[in-house]
Structure formats: structure tokens, C-alpha cells
């Protein structure tokens, strides 16, 4: 299984945002575009991918949303904003709540999400332009890729993640987070992982 962990320091952590003003919701637009690249194919969905959104914005950080498309997941490329909004509204304190089939929300930090995936056997990769070329790195079937928003990852988390994750790069240019997800998916597809 491939996992994508998208981190945003500013994305809203409650569903009271306007889907027509996503930039004002802590750049929720970047999260939506990244999720689309992570889970959607032309006329289909990726059944081999789980997308994790980790939001540290106001008013109730941190929030972890986990989405894996399965039968009954109410997901449409045209309405991801409302899906995220509904998932955040259904947060229940102290539990990992399945809001829709394959859609969960809980209060969990970035480091805890990464540590839990590592305990489940996922090989952790951190996208960083100073990392090793993605095309030259050995990748197992159970892998997780950490991607930051336009502001990147907080220094404290970055320092800890560098101790446990393999740093990889998709090239010498700075890409949008959604483009990075597409590049990683393409590389994994090419390798048939």
C-alpha cells in the first residue's frame, strides 16, 4: 500500500470554512489538489493508495484525516472541499471516527501519524530537494511519502523526521505539492509498486 501524508500548518481544523474561498481556509486548495493527484485516475480511483491530511491550522489543531477510496466513499473531484468540510464537522473527541466508508478523522500530530505507519511496516520517505533522486532509491510495496504545503514542514518536525525517514527528491526544481504527488505516483506506477 502506498501512503501520502500531506502536511499543512495553516489548513482549517474545523468544517466552518467557505468552499468558494479555499485560500482563506489555510490554503485548503493545495490540500484538495494534492488529494486529487493522490487518489484519482482518469475514470477511476487508486485502490492502492491512502491519503493522509494533517492540518495544524485553527481552531482545533492537530487534525488527521485519512481517506482510502472504497465502495461507498462519497468522493467526487468536483466536491472534495465539501467532503473535507463534512469530515471535519464529524470529528469526535478522543476517537478515530469513520465519517464515511474509508474516511476517518481524529486528533493526531504529524509525528504520530508517521510513527503509526512505521509501526505498521511502512517505509517512510520525506520529500526534500536535498534528498536522493527518487528514481535511484529502492522502494518497498508498503511505503509512505511526506509532503509539505507551500510553507513546508515545521523545523521541529523536520528535524525529527530526518532522523527516521529517507530523504528523496523529485528533481532540482520546486514543484507544487500536487505535482510532487503526481510524480511520486507515476514513479511507483512505472515500477509496478
Protein backbone atom coordinates (compact mmCIF):
# COMPACT_ATOMS: atom_id res chain seq x y z
CA UNK A 1 0.00 0.00 0.00
CA UNK A 2 1.23 3.49 -0.76
CA UNK A 3 0.52 6.32 1.66
CA UNK A 4 0.76 10.05 1.11
CA UNK A 5 0.98 12.31 4.14
CA UNK A 6 0.20 15.91 3.26
CA UNK A 7 1.01 18.45 5.99
CA UNK A 8 -0.38 21.97 6.30
CA UNK A 9 0.43 24.32 9.17
CA UNK A 10 -2.48 26.60 8.29
CA UNK A 11 -5.36 24.47 6.92
CA UNK A 12 -8.56 24.83 8.95
CA UNK A 13 -9.21 22.14 11.56
CA UNK A 14 -12.97 22.66 11.71
CA UNK A 15 -15.52 22.47 8.92
CA UNK A 16 -16.64 26.10 9.15
CA UNK A 17 -14.91 27.34 6.01
CA UNK A 18 -16.32 28.53 2.70
CA UNK A 19 -15.55 26.09 -0.13
CA UNK A 20 -15.64 29.04 -2.52
CA UNK A 21 -12.81 30.73 -0.59
CA UNK A 22 -10.35 27.91 -0.07
CA UNK A 23 -7.27 30.13 0.00
CA UNK A 24 -8.73 31.81 3.10
CA UNK A 25 -9.18 28.41 4.77
CA UNK A 26 -5.43 27.98 5.22
CA UNK A 27 -4.73 27.15 1.57
CA UNK A 28 -7.17 24.25 1.59
CA UNK A 29 -6.95 24.47 -2.21
CA UNK A 30 -3.43 22.97 -2.08
CA UNK A 31 -4.67 20.08 0.09
CA UNK A 32 -7.53 19.41 -2.34
CA UNK A 33 -5.31 19.42 -5.44
CA UNK A 34 -2.82 17.10 -3.72
CA UNK A 35 -5.54 14.69 -2.65
CA UNK A 36 -6.91 14.58 -6.21
CA UNK A 37 -3.45 13.70 -7.54
CA UNK A 38 -3.07 11.06 -4.84
CA UNK A 39 -6.33 9.17 -5.24
CA UNK A 40 -7.79 9.84 -8.70
CA UNK A 41 -7.06 8.26 -12.06
CA UNK A 42 -8.79 9.01 -15.34
CA UNK A 43 -12.26 7.45 -14.93
CA UNK A 44 -11.20 5.55 -11.81
CA UNK A 45 -9.69 5.74 -8.33
CA UNK A 46 -6.47 4.36 -6.90
CA UNK A 47 -7.29 1.35 -4.76
CA UNK A 48 -3.62 1.04 -3.70
CA UNK A 49 -3.34 4.47 -2.05
CA UNK A 50 -4.27 6.06 1.25
CA UNK A 51 -4.15 9.83 1.58
CA UNK A 52 -3.48 11.42 4.96
CA UNK A 53 -4.17 15.10 5.54
CA UNK A 54 -2.55 16.54 8.67
CA UNK A 55 -3.80 20.04 9.49
CA UNK A 56 -2.33 22.32 12.17
CA UNK A 57 -4.49 25.40 11.49
CA UNK A 58 -7.08 26.95 13.75
CA UNK A 59 -9.28 26.44 15.67
CA UNK A 60 -8.51 22.91 16.99
CA UNK A 61 -5.16 21.51 15.82
CA UNK A 62 -3.95 18.96 15.03
CA UNK A 63 -6.41 17.05 12.87
CA UNK A 64 -5.65 13.94 10.85
CA UNK A 65 -7.96 12.96 8.00
CA UNK A 66 -7.39 9.60 6.36
CA UNK A 67 -9.06 8.74 3.04
CA UNK A 68 -8.93 5.50 1.13
CA UNK A 69 -11.46 5.15 -1.67
CA UNK A 70 -13.62 2.09 -1.22
CA UNK A 71 -17.16 1.07 -2.10
CA UNK A 72 -19.49 3.77 -0.81
CA UNK A 73 -16.91 6.54 -0.37
CA UNK A 74 -18.79 9.71 -1.43
CA UNK A 75 -15.91 11.23 -3.37
CA UNK A 76 -16.05 13.42 -6.46
CA UNK A 77 -13.25 15.51 -7.93
CA UNK A 78 -15.70 18.44 -8.16
CA UNK A 79 -16.56 18.42 -4.46
CA UNK A 80 -13.50 17.48 -2.37
CA UNK A 81 -13.83 20.72 -0.39
CA UNK A 82 -17.27 19.78 0.90
CA UNK A 83 -16.11 16.23 1.67
CA UNK A 84 -13.26 17.56 3.85
CA UNK A 85 -15.66 20.03 5.47
CA UNK A 86 -18.12 17.24 6.38
CA UNK A 87 -15.33 15.01 7.69
CA UNK A 88 -14.01 17.81 9.94
CA UNK A 89 -17.53 18.56 11.24
CA UNK A 90 -17.88 14.90 12.30
CA UNK A 91 -14.76 14.86 14.48
CA UNK A 92 -15.44 13.22 17.87
CA UNK A 93 -13.06 13.94 20.69
CA UNK A 94 -10.91 11.03 21.80
CA UNK A 95 -11.63 8.69 18.90
CA UNK A 96 -10.82 7.89 15.30
CA UNK A 97 -14.21 8.41 13.71
CA UNK A 98 -15.18 6.81 10.40
CA UNK A 99 -17.38 9.51 8.89
CA UNK A 100 -17.95 7.79 5.52
CA UNK A 101 -16.65 4.48 4.19
CA UNK A 102 -12.87 4.86 4.04
CA UNK A 103 -12.91 8.40 5.51
CA UNK A 104 -11.65 8.92 9.06
CA UNK A 105 -10.90 11.91 11.28
CA UNK A 106 -9.05 12.13 14.58
CA UNK A 107 -6.81 14.42 16.60
CA UNK A 108 -3.29 13.26 15.80
CA UNK A 109 0.02 15.02 15.15
CA UNK A 110 2.20 14.58 12.08
CA UNK A 111 4.84 12.68 14.05
CA UNK A 112 2.24 10.30 15.49
CA UNK A 113 0.79 9.61 12.02
CA UNK A 114 4.29 8.83 10.73
CA UNK A 115 5.18 6.69 13.76
CA UNK A 116 1.96 4.67 13.44
CA UNK A 117 2.64 3.99 9.76
CA UNK A 118 6.20 2.99 10.59
CA UNK A 119 4.91 0.54 13.24
CA UNK A 120 2.62 -0.94 10.56
CA UNK A 121 5.69 -1.62 8.41
CA UNK A 122 5.64 1.37 6.07
CA UNK A 123 8.95 2.60 4.75
CA UNK A 124 8.97 6.39 5.31
CA UNK A 125 10.19 8.88 2.70
CA UNK A 126 10.41 12.63 3.20
CA UNK A 127 10.27 14.80 0.09
CA UNK A 128 13.12 17.30 0.20
CA UNK A 129 15.01 18.91 -2.68
CA UNK A 130 18.28 17.97 -0.95
CA UNK A 131 17.27 14.30 -0.85
CA UNK A 132 18.42 11.44 -3.05
CA UNK A 133 16.92 11.16 -6.51
CA UNK A 134 13.61 9.29 -6.20
CA UNK A 135 14.43 7.28 -9.33
CA UNK A 136 17.55 5.86 -7.69
CA UNK A 137 16.03 4.86 -4.34
CA UNK A 138 14.81 1.36 -3.56
CA UNK A 139 11.15 1.47 -2.54
CA UNK A 140 9.14 -1.36 -1.00
CA UNK A 141 5.46 -2.11 -1.61
CA UNK A 142 4.49 -0.61 1.75
CA UNK A 143 5.67 3.00 1.57
CA UNK A 144 4.71 6.45 2.83
CA UNK A 145 5.68 9.84 1.40
CA UNK A 146 5.57 13.03 3.48
CA UNK A 147 4.84 16.23 1.58
CA UNK A 148 4.52 19.74 2.96
CA UNK A 149 2.34 22.58 1.72
CA UNK A 150 3.69 25.86 0.30
CA UNK A 151 5.29 26.64 3.68
CA UNK A 152 6.92 23.25 4.10
CA UNK A 153 7.23 21.40 7.38
CA UNK A 154 7.92 23.00 10.78
CA UNK A 155 11.62 22.90 11.73
CA UNK A 156 11.00 20.83 14.85
CA UNK A 157 9.10 18.11 12.94
CA UNK A 158 11.55 18.29 10.04
CA UNK A 159 14.48 17.62 12.38
CA UNK A 160 12.78 14.58 13.90
CA UNK A 161 11.60 13.22 10.56
CA UNK A 162 15.08 13.45 9.07
CA UNK A 163 16.24 11.02 11.78
CA UNK A 164 13.82 8.28 10.71
CA UNK A 165 12.84 8.96 7.08
CA UNK A 166 14.77 8.61 3.85
CA UNK A 167 15.07 11.99 2.14
CA UNK A 168 14.11 11.86 -1.53
CA UNK A 169 13.84 14.47 -4.24
CA UNK A 170 11.76 14.60 -7.43
CA UNK A 171 14.17 16.99 -9.13
CA UNK A 172 16.12 20.21 -8.83
CA UNK A 173 13.09 22.46 -9.31
CA UNK A 174 10.49 23.41 -6.70
CA UNK A 175 7.14 21.89 -7.64
CA UNK A 176 3.62 22.32 -6.31
CA UNK A 177 2.72 19.75 -3.65
CA UNK A 178 0.11 18.27 -6.01
CA UNK A 179 2.74 17.90 -8.75
CA UNK A 180 5.04 16.09 -6.34
CA UNK A 181 2.25 13.62 -5.53
CA UNK A 182 1.68 13.02 -9.26
CA UNK A 183 5.41 12.48 -9.87
CA UNK A 184 5.71 10.00 -6.99
CA UNK A 185 2.60 8.12 -8.13
CA UNK A 186 3.98 7.95 -11.66
CA UNK A 187 7.31 6.56 -10.44
CA UNK A 188 5.57 3.92 -8.31
CA UNK A 189 3.26 3.01 -11.20
CA UNK A 190 6.23 2.71 -13.56
CA UNK A 191 7.93 0.33 -11.10
CA UNK A 192 4.63 -1.53 -10.58
CA UNK A 193 4.78 -0.99 -6.82
